[in-house]
Amino acid sequence: MIRLKRVYDSPADEDGTRFLVERLWPRGVKKSALRLDEWLKDAAPSTELRQWFQHDPARWEKFRQRYFEELKTRPDAWQPILQAARRGTVSLLYSSHDQEHNNAVALKMFLDGRRTAKNSS
């Protein structure tokens, strides 16, 4: 199972393996304070795409399309998430205030699609 969680929320046992999926370290969070298993910067959108998107819900569909294209070219960036999800629960950590339109939501959609495609083949 892949879950989503804001970095500002307290860690919980049910989080499983915790991956930070941001290119930049979250504001106001000390590295020593954030419990995580791995920081997967390359699983995050490119700087150019992130700056273009600016968390604008009107750009969400186009952002997801462009982000999925980026992810397809970087399987090494997101494979650790799928491998961990095969063993148990995974939490994708993100810092956005918008809980519906952010890269972790899009990444989960992408990964869920990969898992479904693999299970049906």
PDB file of N, CA and C in Angstrom:
ATOM      1  N   MET A   1       0.836  -1.173   0.000  1.00  0.00           N
ATOM      2  CA  MET A   1       0.000   0.000   0.000  1.00  0.00           C
ATOM      3  C   MET A   1       0.885   1.242   0.000  1.00  0.00           C
ATOM      4  N   ILE A   2       0.489   2.218  -0.814  1.00  0.00           N
ATOM      5  CA  ILE A   2       1.207   3.488  -0.860  1.00  0.00           C
ATOM      6  C   ILE A   2       0.294   4.561  -0.291  1.00  0.00           C
ATOM      7  N   ARG A   3       0.795   5.254   0.735  1.00  0.00           N
ATOM      8  CA  ARG A   3       0.054   6.323   1.389  1.00  0.00           C
ATOM      9  C   ARG A   3       0.738   7.655   1.126  1.00  0.00           C
ATOM     10  N   LEU A   4       0.011   8.710   1.423  1.00  0.00           N
ATOM     11  CA  LEU A   4       0.549  10.067   1.328  1.00  0.00           C
ATOM     12  C   LEU A   4       0.522  10.698   2.710  1.00  0.00           C
ATOM     13  N   LYS A   5       1.551  11.490   3.001  1.00  0.00           N
ATOM     14  CA  LYS A   5       1.610  12.124   4.320  1.00  0.00           C
ATOM     15  C   LYS A   5       2.421  13.411   4.227  1.00  0.00           C
ATOM     16  N   ARG A   6       1.923  14.447   4.872  1.00  0.00           N
ATOM     17  CA  ARG A   6       2.677  15.706   4.917  1.00  0.00           C
ATOM     18  C   ARG A   6       3.854  15.550   5.876  1.00  0.00           C
ATOM     19  N   VAL A   7       4.955  16.174   5.552  1.00  0.00           N
ATOM     20  CA  VAL A   7       6.145  16.092   6.406  1.00  0.00           C
ATOM     21  C   VAL A   7       5.895  16.741   7.759  1.00  0.00           C
ATOM     22  N   TYR A   8       4.909  17.612   7.851  1.00  0.00           N
ATOM     23  CA  TYR A   8       4.628  18.328   9.086  1.00  0.00           C
ATOM     24  C   TYR A   8       3.761  17.515  10.047  1.00  0.00           C
ATOM     25  N   ASP A   9       3.235  16.369   9.584  1.00  0.00           N
ATOM     26  CA  ASP A   9       2.445  15.491  10.436  1.00  0.00           C
ATOM     27  C   ASP A   9       3.376  14.532  11.175  1.00  0.00           C
ATOM     28  N   SER A  10       2.995  14.163  12.368  1.00  0.00           N
ATOM     29  CA  SER A  10       3.825  13.275  13.186  1.00  0.00           C
ATOM     30  C   SER A  10       3.950  11.893  12.552  1.00  0.00           C
ATOM     31  N   PRO A  11       5.140  11.304  12.637  1.00  0.00           N
ATOM     32  CA  PRO A  11       5.312   9.929  12.142  1.00  0.00           C
ATOM     33  C   PRO A  11       4.458   8.967  12.958  1.00  0.00           C
ATOM     34  N   ALA A  12       4.048   7.886  12.305  1.00  0.00           N
ATOM     35  CA  ALA A  12       3.256   6.859  12.979  1.00  0.00           C
ATOM     36  C   ALA A  12       3.764   5.494  12.552  1.00  0.00           C
ATOM     37  N   ASP A  13       3.568   4.507  13.397  1.00  0.00           N
ATOM     38  CA  ASP A  13       4.022   3.145  13.086  1.00  0.00           C
ATOM     39  C   ASP A  13       3.428   2.640  11.776  1.00  0.00           C
ATOM     40  N   GLU A  14       2.175   3.016  11.493  1.00  0.00           N
ATOM     41  CA  GLU A  14       1.522   2.523  10.285  1.00  0.00           C
ATOM     42  C   GLU A  14       2.015   3.196   9.000  1.00  0.00           C
ATOM     43  N   ASP A  15       2.952   4.148   9.119  1.00  0.00           N
ATOM     44  CA  ASP A  15       3.524   4.791   7.925  1.00  0.00           C
ATOM     45  C   ASP A  15       4.349   3.817   7.092  1.00  0.00           C
ATOM     46  N   GLY A  16       4.910   2.821   7.730  1.00  0.00           N
ATOM     47  CA  GLY A  16       5.786   1.902   7.003  1.00  0.00           C
ATOM     48  C   GLY A  16       7.067   2.601   6.589  1.00  0.00           C
ATOM     49  N   THR A  17       7.546   2.291   5.401  1.00  0.00           N
ATOM     50  CA  THR A  17       8.759   2.911   4.871  1.00  0.00           C
ATOM     51  C   THR A  17       8.417   4.322   4.412  1.00  0.00           C
ATOM     52  N   ARG A  18       9.186   5.289   4.874  1.00  0.00           N
ATOM     53  CA  ARG A  18       8.896   6.704   4.600  1.00  0.00           C
ATOM     54  C   ARG A  18       9.909   7.281   3.617  1.00  0.00           C
ATOM     55  N   PHE A  19       9.383   7.755   2.473  1.00  0.00           N
ATOM     56  CA  PHE A  19      10.209   8.363   1.437  1.00  0.00           C
ATOM     57  C   PHE A  19       9.831   9.829   1.268  1.00  0.00           C
ATOM     58  N   LEU A  20      10.816  10.714   1.378  1.00  0.00           N
ATOM     59  CA  LEU A  20      10.602  12.114   1.034  1.00  0.00           C
ATOM     60  C   LEU A  20      10.715  12.221  -0.482  1.00  0.00           C
ATOM     61  N   VAL A  21       9.676  12.751  -1.132  1.00  0.00           N
ATOM     62  CA  VAL A  21       9.649  12.814  -2.599  1.00  0.00           C
ATOM     63  C   VAL A  21       9.588  14.269  -3.065  1.00  0.00           C
ATOM     64  N   GLU A  22      10.447  15.080  -2.503  1.00  0.00           N
ATOM     65  CA  GLU A  22      10.576  16.494  -2.843  1.00  0.00           C
ATOM     66  C   GLU A  22      11.990  16.750  -3.350  1.00  0.00           C
ATOM     67  N   ARG A  23      12.119  17.661  -4.279  1.00  0.00           N
ATOM     68  CA  ARG A  23      13.446  18.021  -4.768  1.00  0.00           C
ATOM     69  C   ARG A  23      14.167  18.915  -3.768  1.00  0.00           C
ATOM     70  N   LEU A  24      13.405  19.747  -3.060  1.00  0.00           N
ATOM     71  CA  LEU A  24      13.973  20.658  -2.063  1.00  0.00           C
ATOM     72  C   LEU A  24      13.590  20.185  -0.665  1.00  0.00           C
ATOM     73  N   TRP A  25      14.484  20.433   0.288  1.00  0.00           N
ATOM     74  CA  TRP A  25      14.176  20.063   1.665  1.00  0.00           C
ATOM     75  C   TRP A  25      13.020  20.942   2.153  1.00  0.00           C
ATOM     76  N   PRO A  26      12.057  20.391   2.877  1.00  0.00           N
ATOM     77  CA  PRO A  26      10.890  21.153   3.347  1.00  0.00           C
ATOM     78  C   PRO A  26      11.282  22.293   4.292  1.00  0.00           C
ATOM     79  N   ARG A  27      10.650  23.430   4.108  1.00  0.00           N
ATOM     80  CA  ARG A  27      10.914  24.607   4.945  1.00  0.00           C
ATOM     81  C   ARG A  27      10.525  24.342   6.387  1.00  0.00           C
ATOM     82  N   GLY A  28      11.371  24.800   7.272  1.00  0.00           N
ATOM     83  CA  GLY A  28      11.065  24.733   8.692  1.00  0.00           C
ATOM     84  C   GLY A  28      11.214  23.362   9.330  1.00  0.00           C
ATOM     85  N   VAL A  29      11.759  22.404   8.591  1.00  0.00           N
ATOM     86  CA  VAL A  29      11.921  21.050   9.127  1.00  0.00           C
ATOM     87  C   VAL A  29      13.414  20.753   9.255  1.00  0.00           C
ATOM     88  N   LYS A  30      13.833  20.434  10.469  1.00  0.00           N
ATOM     89  CA  LYS A  30      15.231  20.072  10.675  1.00  0.00           C
ATOM     90  C   LYS A  30      15.466  18.657  10.140  1.00  0.00           C
ATOM     91  N   LYS A  31      16.597  18.459   9.501  1.00  0.00           N
ATOM     92  CA  LYS A  31      16.904  17.128   8.970  1.00  0.00           C
ATOM     93  C   LYS A  31      16.919  16.085  10.077  1.00  0.00           C
ATOM     94  N   SER A  32      17.353  16.473  11.246  1.00  0.00           N
ATOM     95  CA  SER A  32      17.401  15.523  12.358  1.00  0.00           C
ATOM     96  C   SER A  32      16.006  15.205  12.904  1.00  0.00           C
ATOM     97  N   ALA A  33      15.018  16.049  12.599  1.00  0.00           N
ATOM     98  CA  ALA A  33      13.677  15.866  13.148  1.00  0.00           C
ATOM     99  C   ALA A  33      12.755  15.051  12.246  1.00  0.00           C
ATOM    100  N   LEU A  34      13.076  14.960  10.964  1.00  0.00           N
ATOM    101  CA  LEU A  34      12.191  14.251  10.036  1.00  0.00           C
ATOM    102  C   LEU A  34      12.597  12.786   9.943  1.00  0.00           C
ATOM    103  N   ARG A  35      11.731  11.935  10.442  1.00  0.00           N
ATOM    104  CA  ARG A  35      12.005  10.502  10.361  1.00  0.00           C
ATOM    105  C   ARG A  35      11.685  10.041   8.948  1.00  0.00           C
ATOM    106  N   LEU A  36      12.715   9.594   8.227  1.00  0.00           N
ATOM    107  CA  LEU A  36      12.491   9.081   6.890  1.00  0.00           C
ATOM    108  C   LEU A  36      13.511   8.002   6.587  1.00  0.00           C
ATOM    109  N   ASP A  37      13.144   7.156   5.658  1.00  0.00           N
ATOM    110  CA  ASP A  37      14.043   6.070   5.274  1.00  0.00           C
ATOM    111  C   ASP A  37      14.939   6.468   4.110  1.00  0.00           C
ATOM    112  N   GLU A  38      14.412   7.313   3.236  1.00  0.00           N
ATOM    113  CA  GLU A  38      15.217   7.745   2.094  1.00  0.00           C
ATOM    114  C   GLU A  38      14.620   9.015   1.498  1.00  0.00           C
ATOM    115  N   TRP A  39      15.505   9.886   0.989  1.00  0.00           N
ATOM    116  CA  TRP A  39      15.098  11.097   0.301  1.00  0.00           C
ATOM    117  C   TRP A  39      15.320  10.833  -1.186  1.00  0.00           C
ATOM    118  N   LEU A  40      14.224  10.745  -1.929  1.00  0.00           N
ATOM    119  CA  LEU A  40      14.289  10.440  -3.361  1.00  0.00           C
ATOM    120  C   LEU A  40      14.064  11.711  -4.174  1.00  0.00           C
ATOM    121  N   LYS A  41      15.095  12.553  -4.234  1.00  0.00           N
ATOM    122  CA  LYS A  41      15.004  13.823  -4.957  1.00  0.00           C
ATOM    123  C   LYS A  41      14.640  13.621  -6.420  1.00  0.00           C
ATOM    124  N   ASP A  42      15.212  12.593  -7.039  1.00  0.00           N
ATOM    125  CA  ASP A  42      14.999  12.389  -8.469  1.00  0.00           C
ATOM    126  C   ASP A  42      13.619  11.841  -8.800  1.00  0.00           C
ATOM    127  N   ALA A  43      12.855  11.435  -7.780  1.00  0.00           N
ATOM    128  CA  ALA A  43      11.465  11.028  -8.007  1.00  0.00           C
ATOM    129  C   ALA A  43      10.542  12.247  -8.041  1.00  0.00           C
ATOM    130  N   ALA A  44      11.071  13.391  -7.660  1.00  0.00           N
ATOM    131  CA  ALA A  44      10.304  14.637  -7.679  1.00  0.00           C
ATOM    132  C   ALA A  44      10.353  15.247  -9.084  1.00  0.00           C
ATOM    133  N   PRO A  45       9.433  16.160  -9.380  1.00  0.00           N
ATOM    134  CA  PRO A  45       9.467  16.824 -10.688  1.00  0.00           C
ATOM    135  C   PRO A  45      10.753  17.627 -10.859  1.00  0.00           C
ATOM    136  N   SER A  46      11.141  17.818 -12.100  1.00  0.00           N
ATOM    137  CA  SER A  46      12.311  18.654 -12.384  1.00  0.00           C
ATOM    138  C   SER A  46      12.065  20.063 -11.857  1.00  0.00           C
ATOM    139  N   THR A  47      13.122  20.787 -11.637  1.00  0.00           N
ATOM    140  CA  THR A  47      13.008  22.163 -11.166  1.00  0.00           C
ATOM    141  C   THR A  47      12.165  22.984 -12.132  1.00  0.00           C
ATOM    142  N   GLU A  48      12.378  22.800 -13.428  1.00  0.00           N
ATOM    143  CA  GLU A  48      11.629  23.556 -14.441  1.00  0.00           C
ATOM    144  C   GLU A  48      10.126  23.265 -14.342  1.00  0.00           C
ATOM    145  N   LEU A  49       9.776  21.994 -14.208  1.00  0.00           N
ATOM    146  CA  LEU A  49       8.368  21.627 -14.129  1.00  0.00           C
ATOM    147  C   LEU A  49       7.748  22.130 -12.825  1.00  0.00           C
ATOM    148  N   ARG A  50       8.460  21.995 -11.741  1.00  0.00           N
ATOM    149  CA  ARG A  50       7.971  22.468 -10.441  1.00  0.00           C
ATOM    150  C   ARG A  50       7.710  23.975 -10.476  1.00  0.00           C
ATOM    151  N   GLN A  51       8.654  24.726 -11.062  1.00  0.00           N
ATOM    152  CA  GLN A  51       8.495  26.170 -11.132  1.00  0.00           C
ATOM    153  C   GLN A  51       7.346  26.563 -12.064  1.00  0.00           C
ATOM    154  N   TRP A  52       7.152  25.817 -13.146  1.00  0.00           N
ATOM    155  CA  TRP A  52       6.049  26.091 -14.061  1.00  0.00           C
ATOM    156  C   TRP A  52       4.703  25.830 -13.369  1.00  0.00           C
ATOM    157  N   PHE A  53       4.603  24.721 -12.643  1.00  0.00           N
ATOM    158  CA  PHE A  53       3.344  24.315 -12.016  1.00  0.00           C
ATOM    159  C   PHE A  53       2.902  25.282 -10.925  1.00  0.00           C
ATOM    160  N   GLN A  54       3.784  25.640 -10.012  1.00  0.00           N
ATOM    161  CA  GLN A  54       3.516  26.558  -8.901  1.00  0.00           C
ATOM    162  C   GLN A  54       2.257  26.170  -8.124  1.00  0.00           C
ATOM    163  N   HIS A  55       1.952  24.890  -8.047  1.00  0.00           N
ATOM    164  CA  HIS A  55       0.784  24.381  -7.307  1.00  0.00           C
ATOM    165  C   HIS A  55      -0.519  25.040  -7.745  1.00  0.00           C
ATOM    166  N   ASP A  56      -0.605  25.362  -9.028  1.00  0.00           N
ATOM    167  CA  ASP A  56      -1.806  25.977  -9.607  1.00  0.00           C
ATOM    168  C   ASP A  56      -2.768  24.867 -10.043  1.00  0.00           C
ATOM    169  N   PRO A  57      -3.913  24.710  -9.361  1.00  0.00           N
ATOM    170  CA  PRO A  57      -4.850  23.642  -9.724  1.00  0.00           C
ATOM    171  C   PRO A  57      -5.291  23.691 -11.193  1.00  0.00           C
ATOM    172  N   ALA A  58      -5.286  24.869 -11.796  1.00  0.00           N
ATOM    173  CA  ALA A  58      -5.658  24.989 -13.209  1.00  0.00           C
ATOM    174  C   ALA A  58      -4.636  24.293 -14.117  1.00  0.00           C
ATOM    175  N   ARG A  59      -3.420  24.104 -13.627  1.00  0.00           N
ATOM    176  CA  ARG A  59      -2.368  23.446 -14.411  1.00  0.00           C
ATOM    177  C   ARG A  59      -2.202  21.965 -14.051  1.00  0.00           C
ATOM    178  N   TRP A  60      -3.046  21.456 -13.181  1.00  0.00           N
ATOM    179  CA  TRP A  60      -2.891  20.116 -12.630  1.00  0.00           C
ATOM    180  C   TRP A  60      -2.814  19.029 -13.700  1.00  0.00           C
ATOM    181  N   GLU A  61      -3.760  18.995 -14.613  1.00  0.00           N
ATOM    182  CA  GLU A  61      -3.775  17.926 -15.625  1.00  0.00           C
ATOM    183  C   GLU A  61      -2.525  17.960 -16.492  1.00  0.00           C
ATOM    184  N   LYS A  62      -2.145  19.137 -16.938  1.00  0.00           N
ATOM    185  CA  LYS A  62      -0.945  19.263 -17.768  1.00  0.00           C
ATOM    186  C   LYS A  62       0.306  18.913 -16.952  1.00  0.00           C
ATOM    187  N   PHE A  63       0.325  19.342 -15.686  1.00  0.00           N
ATOM    188  CA  PHE A  63       1.441  19.006 -14.807  1.00  0.00           C
ATOM    189  C   PHE A  63       1.592  17.493 -14.696  1.00  0.00           C
ATOM    190  N   ARG A  64       0.482  16.797 -14.410  1.00  0.00           N
ATOM    191  CA  ARG A  64       0.540  15.338 -14.279  1.00  0.00           C
ATOM    192  C   ARG A  64       1.063  14.692 -15.552  1.00  0.00           C
ATOM    193  N   GLN A  65       0.591  15.112 -16.694  1.00  0.00           N
ATOM    194  CA  GLN A  65       1.060  14.544 -17.963  1.00  0.00           C
ATOM    195  C   GLN A  65       2.565  14.737 -18.119  1.00  0.00           C
ATOM    196  N   ARG A  66       3.023  15.954 -17.886  1.00  0.00           N
ATOM    197  CA  ARG A  66       4.449  16.247 -18.047  1.00  0.00           C
ATOM    198  C   ARG A  66       5.289  15.506 -17.010  1.00  0.00           C
ATOM    199  N   TYR A  67       4.780  15.438 -15.788  1.00  0.00           N
ATOM    200  CA  TYR A  67       5.499  14.738 -14.717  1.00  0.00           C
ATOM    201  C   TYR A  67       5.585  13.244 -15.029  1.00  0.00           C
ATOM    202  N   PHE A  68       4.501  12.640 -15.497  1.00  0.00           N
ATOM    203  CA  PHE A  68       4.524  11.221 -15.860  1.00  0.00           C
ATOM    204  C   PHE A  68       5.551  10.961 -16.955  1.00  0.00           C
ATOM    205  N   GLU A  69       5.659  11.870 -17.907  1.00  0.00           N
ATOM    206  CA  GLU A  69       6.674  11.717 -18.963  1.00  0.00           C
ATOM    207  C   GLU A  69       8.077  11.757 -18.366  1.00  0.00           C
ATOM    208  N   GLU A  70       8.300  12.656 -17.419  1.00  0.00           N
ATOM    209  CA  GLU A  70       9.602  12.691 -16.741  1.00  0.00           C
ATOM    210  C   GLU A  70       9.859  11.383 -16.004  1.00  0.00           C
ATOM    211  N   LEU A  71       8.873  10.906 -15.281  1.00  0.00           N
ATOM    212  CA  LEU A  71       9.045   9.683 -14.493  1.00  0.00           C
ATOM    213  C   LEU A  71       9.362   8.480 -15.374  1.00  0.00           C
ATOM    214  N   LYS A  72       8.762   8.417 -16.538  1.00  0.00           N
ATOM    215  CA  LYS A  72       9.027   7.294 -17.452  1.00  0.00           C
ATOM    216  C   LYS A  72      10.495   7.229 -17.853  1.00  0.00           C
ATOM    217  N   THR A  73      11.165   8.371 -17.874  1.00  0.00           N
ATOM    218  CA  THR A  73      12.583   8.400 -18.263  1.00  0.00           C
ATOM    219  C   THR A  73      13.518   8.152 -17.080  1.00  0.00           C
ATOM    220  N   ARG A  74      12.958   8.080 -15.848  1.00  0.00           N
ATOM    221  CA  ARG A  74      13.790   7.909 -14.645  1.00  0.00           C
ATOM    222  C   ARG A  74      13.292   6.770 -13.765  1.00  0.00           C
ATOM    223  N   PRO A  75      13.179   5.559 -14.279  1.00  0.00           N
ATOM    224  CA  PRO A  75      12.657   4.463 -13.446  1.00  0.00           C
ATOM    225  C   PRO A  75      13.512   4.176 -12.208  1.00  0.00           C
ATOM    226  N   ASP A  76      14.801   4.435 -12.269  1.00  0.00           N
ATOM    227  CA  ASP A  76      15.650   4.204 -11.101  1.00  0.00           C
ATOM    228  C   ASP A  76      15.251   5.095  -9.927  1.00  0.00           C
ATOM    229  N   ALA A  77      14.600   6.222 -10.225  1.00  0.00           N
ATOM    230  CA  ALA A  77      14.208   7.166  -9.178  1.00  0.00           C
ATOM    231  C   ALA A  77      13.029   6.654  -8.362  1.00  0.00           C
ATOM    232  N   TRP A  78      12.105   5.929  -8.996  1.00  0.00           N
ATOM    233  CA  TRP A  78      10.901   5.493  -8.288  1.00  0.00           C
ATOM    234  C   TRP A  78      10.825   3.987  -8.043  1.00  0.00           C
ATOM    235  N   GLN A  79      11.706   3.201  -8.594  1.00  0.00           N
ATOM    236  CA  GLN A  79      11.700   1.761  -8.351  1.00  0.00           C
ATOM    237  C   GLN A  79      11.837   1.401  -6.867  1.00  0.00           C
ATOM    238  N   PRO A  80      12.655   2.119  -6.082  1.00  0.00           N
ATOM    239  CA  PRO A  80      12.742   1.784  -4.654  1.00  0.00           C
ATOM    240  C   PRO A  80      11.391   1.865  -3.937  1.00  0.00           C
ATOM    241  N   ILE A  81      10.520   2.753  -4.395  1.00  0.00           N
ATOM    242  CA  ILE A  81       9.196   2.871  -3.775  1.00  0.00           C
ATOM    243  C   ILE A  81       8.373   1.623  -4.064  1.00  0.00           C
ATOM    244  N   LEU A  82       8.365   1.190  -5.321  1.00  0.00           N
ATOM    245  CA  LEU A  82       7.610  -0.012  -5.682  1.00  0.00           C
ATOM    246  C   LEU A  82       8.160  -1.250  -4.979  1.00  0.00           C
ATOM    247  N   GLN A  83       9.479  -1.328  -4.888  1.00  0.00           N
ATOM    248  CA  GLN A  83      10.084  -2.477  -4.202  1.00  0.00           C
ATOM    249  C   GLN A  83       9.666  -2.510  -2.734  1.00  0.00           C
ATOM    250  N   ALA A  84       9.678  -1.359  -2.083  1.00  0.00           N
ATOM    251  CA  ALA A  84       9.271  -1.297  -0.678  1.00  0.00           C
ATOM    252  C   ALA A  84       7.777  -1.583  -0.533  1.00  0.00           C
ATOM    253  N   ALA A  85       6.969  -1.132  -1.483  1.00  0.00           N
ATOM    254  CA  ALA A  85       5.524  -1.363  -1.421  1.00  0.00           C
ATOM    255  C   ALA A  85       5.182  -2.843  -1.567  1.00  0.00           C
ATOM    256  N   ARG A  86       6.033  -3.602  -2.242  1.00  0.00           N
ATOM    257  CA  ARG A  86       5.807  -5.045  -2.351  1.00  0.00           C
ATOM    258  C   ARG A  86       6.002  -5.734  -1.005  1.00  0.00           C
ATOM    259  N   ARG A  87       6.801  -5.117  -0.137  1.00  0.00           N
ATOM    260  CA  ARG A  87       7.095  -5.695   1.178  1.00  0.00           C
ATOM    261  C   ARG A  87       6.148  -5.195   2.267  1.00  0.00           C
ATOM    262  N   GLY A  88       5.485  -4.066   2.024  1.00  0.00           N
ATOM    263  CA  GLY A  88       4.611  -3.505   3.058  1.00  0.00           C
ATOM    264  C   GLY A  88       4.173  -2.097   2.720  1.00  0.00           C
ATOM    265  N   THR A  89       3.746  -1.394   3.723  1.00  0.00           N
ATOM    266  CA  THR A  89       3.233  -0.038   3.553  1.00  0.00           C
ATOM    267  C   THR A  89       4.362   0.948   3.280  1.00  0.00           C
ATOM    268  N   VAL A  90       4.069   1.915   2.410  1.00  0.00           N
ATOM    269  CA  VAL A  90       4.998   2.984   2.063  1.00  0.00           C
ATOM    270  C   VAL A  90       4.262   4.306   2.236  1.00  0.00           C
ATOM    271  N   SER A  91       4.947   5.302   2.770  1.00  0.00           N
ATOM    272  CA  SER A  91       4.391   6.655   2.853  1.00  0.00           C
ATOM    273  C   SER A  91       5.269   7.592   2.041  1.00  0.00           C
ATOM    274  N   LEU A  92       4.618   8.329   1.130  1.00  0.00           N
ATOM    275  CA  LEU A  92       5.298   9.355   0.345  1.00  0.00           C
ATOM    276  C   LEU A  92       5.131  10.671   1.094  1.00  0.00           C
ATOM    277  N   LEU A  93       6.231  11.254   1.511  1.00  0.00           N
ATOM    278  CA  LEU A  93       6.203  12.485   2.290  1.00  0.00           C
ATOM    279  C   LEU A  93       6.327  13.696   1.370  1.00  0.00           C
ATOM    280  N   TYR A  94       5.464  14.684   1.610  1.00  0.00           N
ATOM    281  CA  TYR A  94       5.469  15.905   0.809  1.00  0.00           C
ATOM    282  C   TYR A  94       5.228  17.098   1.717  1.00  0.00           C
ATOM    283  N   SER A  95       5.525  18.303   1.217  1.00  0.00           N
ATOM    284  CA  SER A  95       5.398  19.498   2.046  1.00  0.00           C
ATOM    285  C   SER A  95       4.299  20.455   1.596  1.00  0.00           C
ATOM    286  N   SER A  96       3.697  20.219   0.468  1.00  0.00           N
ATOM    287  CA  SER A  96       2.683  21.125  -0.070  1.00  0.00           C
ATOM    288  C   SER A  96       1.493  21.283   0.869  1.00  0.00           C
ATOM    289  N   HIS A  97       0.938  22.492   0.892  1.00  0.00           N
ATOM    290  CA  HIS A  97      -0.284  22.734   1.665  1.00  0.00           C
ATOM    291  C   HIS A  97      -1.494  22.141   0.936  1.00  0.00           C
ATOM    292  N   ASP A  98      -1.450  22.144  -0.385  1.00  0.00           N
ATOM    293  CA  ASP A  98      -2.541  21.601  -1.200  1.00  0.00           C
ATOM    294  C   ASP A  98      -2.435  20.080  -1.192  1.00  0.00           C
ATOM    295  N   GLN A  99      -3.375  19.421  -0.553  1.00  0.00           N
ATOM    296  CA  GLN A  99      -3.306  17.975  -0.398  1.00  0.00           C
ATOM    297  C   GLN A  99      -3.869  17.213  -1.592  1.00  0.00           C
ATOM    298  N   GLU A 100      -4.423  17.917  -2.578  1.00  0.00           N
ATOM    299  CA  GLU A 100      -4.984  17.265  -3.757  1.00  0.00           C
ATOM    300  C   GLU A 100      -4.156  17.481  -5.015  1.00  0.00           C
ATOM    301  N   HIS A 101      -3.405  18.579  -5.076  1.00  0.00           N
ATOM    302  CA  HIS A 101      -2.655  18.934  -6.283  1.00  0.00           C
ATOM    303  C   HIS A 101      -1.184  19.123  -5.937  1.00  0.00           C
ATOM    304  N   ASN A 102      -0.485  18.012  -5.767  1.00  0.00           N
ATOM    305  CA  ASN A 102       0.944  18.098  -5.479  1.00  0.00           C
ATOM    306  C   ASN A 102       1.652  16.906  -6.117  1.00  0.00           C
ATOM    307  N   ASN A 103       2.965  16.956  -6.148  1.00  0.00           N
ATOM    308  CA  ASN A 103       3.717  15.908  -6.842  1.00  0.00           C
ATOM    309  C   ASN A 103       3.572  14.538  -6.194  1.00  0.00           C
ATOM    310  N   ALA A 104       3.373  14.473  -4.873  1.00  0.00           N
ATOM    311  CA  ALA A 104       3.218  13.167  -4.223  1.00  0.00           C
ATOM    312  C   ALA A 104       1.914  12.496  -4.668  1.00  0.00           C
ATOM    313  N   VAL A 105       0.842  13.269  -4.821  1.00  0.00           N
ATOM    314  CA  VAL A 105      -0.421  12.731  -5.317  1.00  0.00           C
ATOM    315  C   VAL A 105      -0.218  12.180  -6.727  1.00  0.00           C
ATOM    316  N   ALA A 106       0.437  12.974  -7.572  1.00  0.00           N
ATOM    317  CA  ALA A 106       0.683  12.538  -8.950  1.00  0.00           C
ATOM    318  C   ALA A 106       1.597  11.321  -8.983  1.00  0.00           C
ATOM    319  N   LEU A 107       2.627  11.310  -8.158  1.00  0.00           N
ATOM    320  CA  LEU A 107       3.545  10.168  -8.118  1.00  0.00           C
ATOM    321  C   LEU A 107       2.808   8.904  -7.681  1.00  0.00           C
ATOM    322  N   LYS A 108       1.946   9.018  -6.691  1.00  0.00           N
ATOM    323  CA  LYS A 108       1.162   7.860  -6.254  1.00  0.00           C
ATOM    324  C   LYS A 108       0.287   7.348  -7.402  1.00  0.00           C
ATOM    325  N   MET A 109      -0.340   8.247  -8.141  1.00  0.00           N
ATOM    326  CA  MET A 109      -1.160   7.843  -9.292  1.00  0.00           C
ATOM    327  C   MET A 109      -0.310   7.086 -10.308  1.00  0.00           C
ATOM    328  N   PHE A 110       0.854   7.610 -10.593  1.00  0.00           N
ATOM    329  CA  PHE A 110       1.772   6.985 -11.541  1.00  0.00           C
ATOM    330  C   PHE A 110       2.164   5.591 -11.059  1.00  0.00           C
ATOM    331  N   LEU A 111       2.551   5.486  -9.796  1.00  0.00           N
ATOM    332  CA  LEU A 111       2.989   4.202  -9.245  1.00  0.00           C
ATOM    333  C   LEU A 111       1.839   3.204  -9.147  1.00  0.00           C
ATOM    334  N   ASP A 112       0.663   3.673  -8.768  1.00  0.00           N
ATOM    335  CA  ASP A 112      -0.496   2.786  -8.723  1.00  0.00           C
ATOM    336  C   ASP A 112      -0.786   2.233 -10.118  1.00  0.00           C
ATOM    337  N   GLY A 113      -0.619   3.058 -11.128  1.00  0.00           N
ATOM    338  CA  GLY A 113      -0.797   2.608 -12.505  1.00  0.00           C
ATOM    339  C   GLY A 113       0.226   1.562 -12.892  1.00  0.00           C
ATOM    340  N   ARG A 114       1.442   1.718 -12.455  1.00  0.00           N
ATOM    341  CA  ARG A 114       2.510   0.742 -12.730  1.00  0.00           C
ATOM    342  C   ARG A 114       2.223  -0.579 -12.024  1.00  0.00           C
ATOM    343  N   ARG A 115       1.754  -0.493 -10.799  1.00  0.00           N
ATOM    344  CA  ARG A 115       1.461  -1.710 -10.027  1.00  0.00           C
ATOM    345  C   ARG A 115       0.289  -2.454 -10.647  1.00  0.00           C
ATOM    346  N   THR A 116      -0.736  -1.722 -11.083  1.00  0.00           N
ATOM    347  CA  THR A 116      -1.916  -2.336 -11.702  1.00  0.00           C
ATOM    348  C   THR A 116      -1.532  -3.001 -13.022  1.00  0.00           C
ATOM    349  N   ALA A 117      -0.729  -2.300 -13.820  1.00  0.00           N
ATOM    350  CA  ALA A 117      -0.303  -2.844 -15.126  1.00  0.00           C
ATOM    351  C   ALA A 117       0.516  -4.118 -14.922  1.00  0.00           C
ATOM    352  N   LYS A 118       1.389  -4.121 -13.923  1.00  0.00           N
ATOM    353  CA  LYS A 118       2.225  -5.290 -13.681  1.00  0.00           C
ATOM    354  C   LYS A 118       1.388  -6.459 -13.166  1.00  0.00           C
ATOM    355  N   ASN A 119       0.384  -6.166 -12.321  1.00  0.00           N
ATOM    356  CA  ASN A 119      -0.470  -7.232 -11.775  1.00  0.00           C
ATOM    357  C   ASN A 119      -1.374  -7.849 -12.831  1.00  0.00           C
ATOM    358  N   SER A 120      -1.711  -7.081 -13.880  1.00  0.00           N
ATOM    359  CA  SER A 120      -2.616  -7.611 -14.909  1.00  0.00           C
ATOM    360  C   SER A 120      -1.868  -8.320 -16.032  1.00  0.00           C
ATOM    361  N   SER A 121      -0.537  -8.264 -16.022  1.00  0.00           N
ATOM    362  CA  SER A 121       0.218  -8.942 -17.086  1.00  0.00           C
ATOM    363  C   SER A 121       0.655 -10.318 -16.684  1.00  0.00           C
TER     364      SER A 121
END
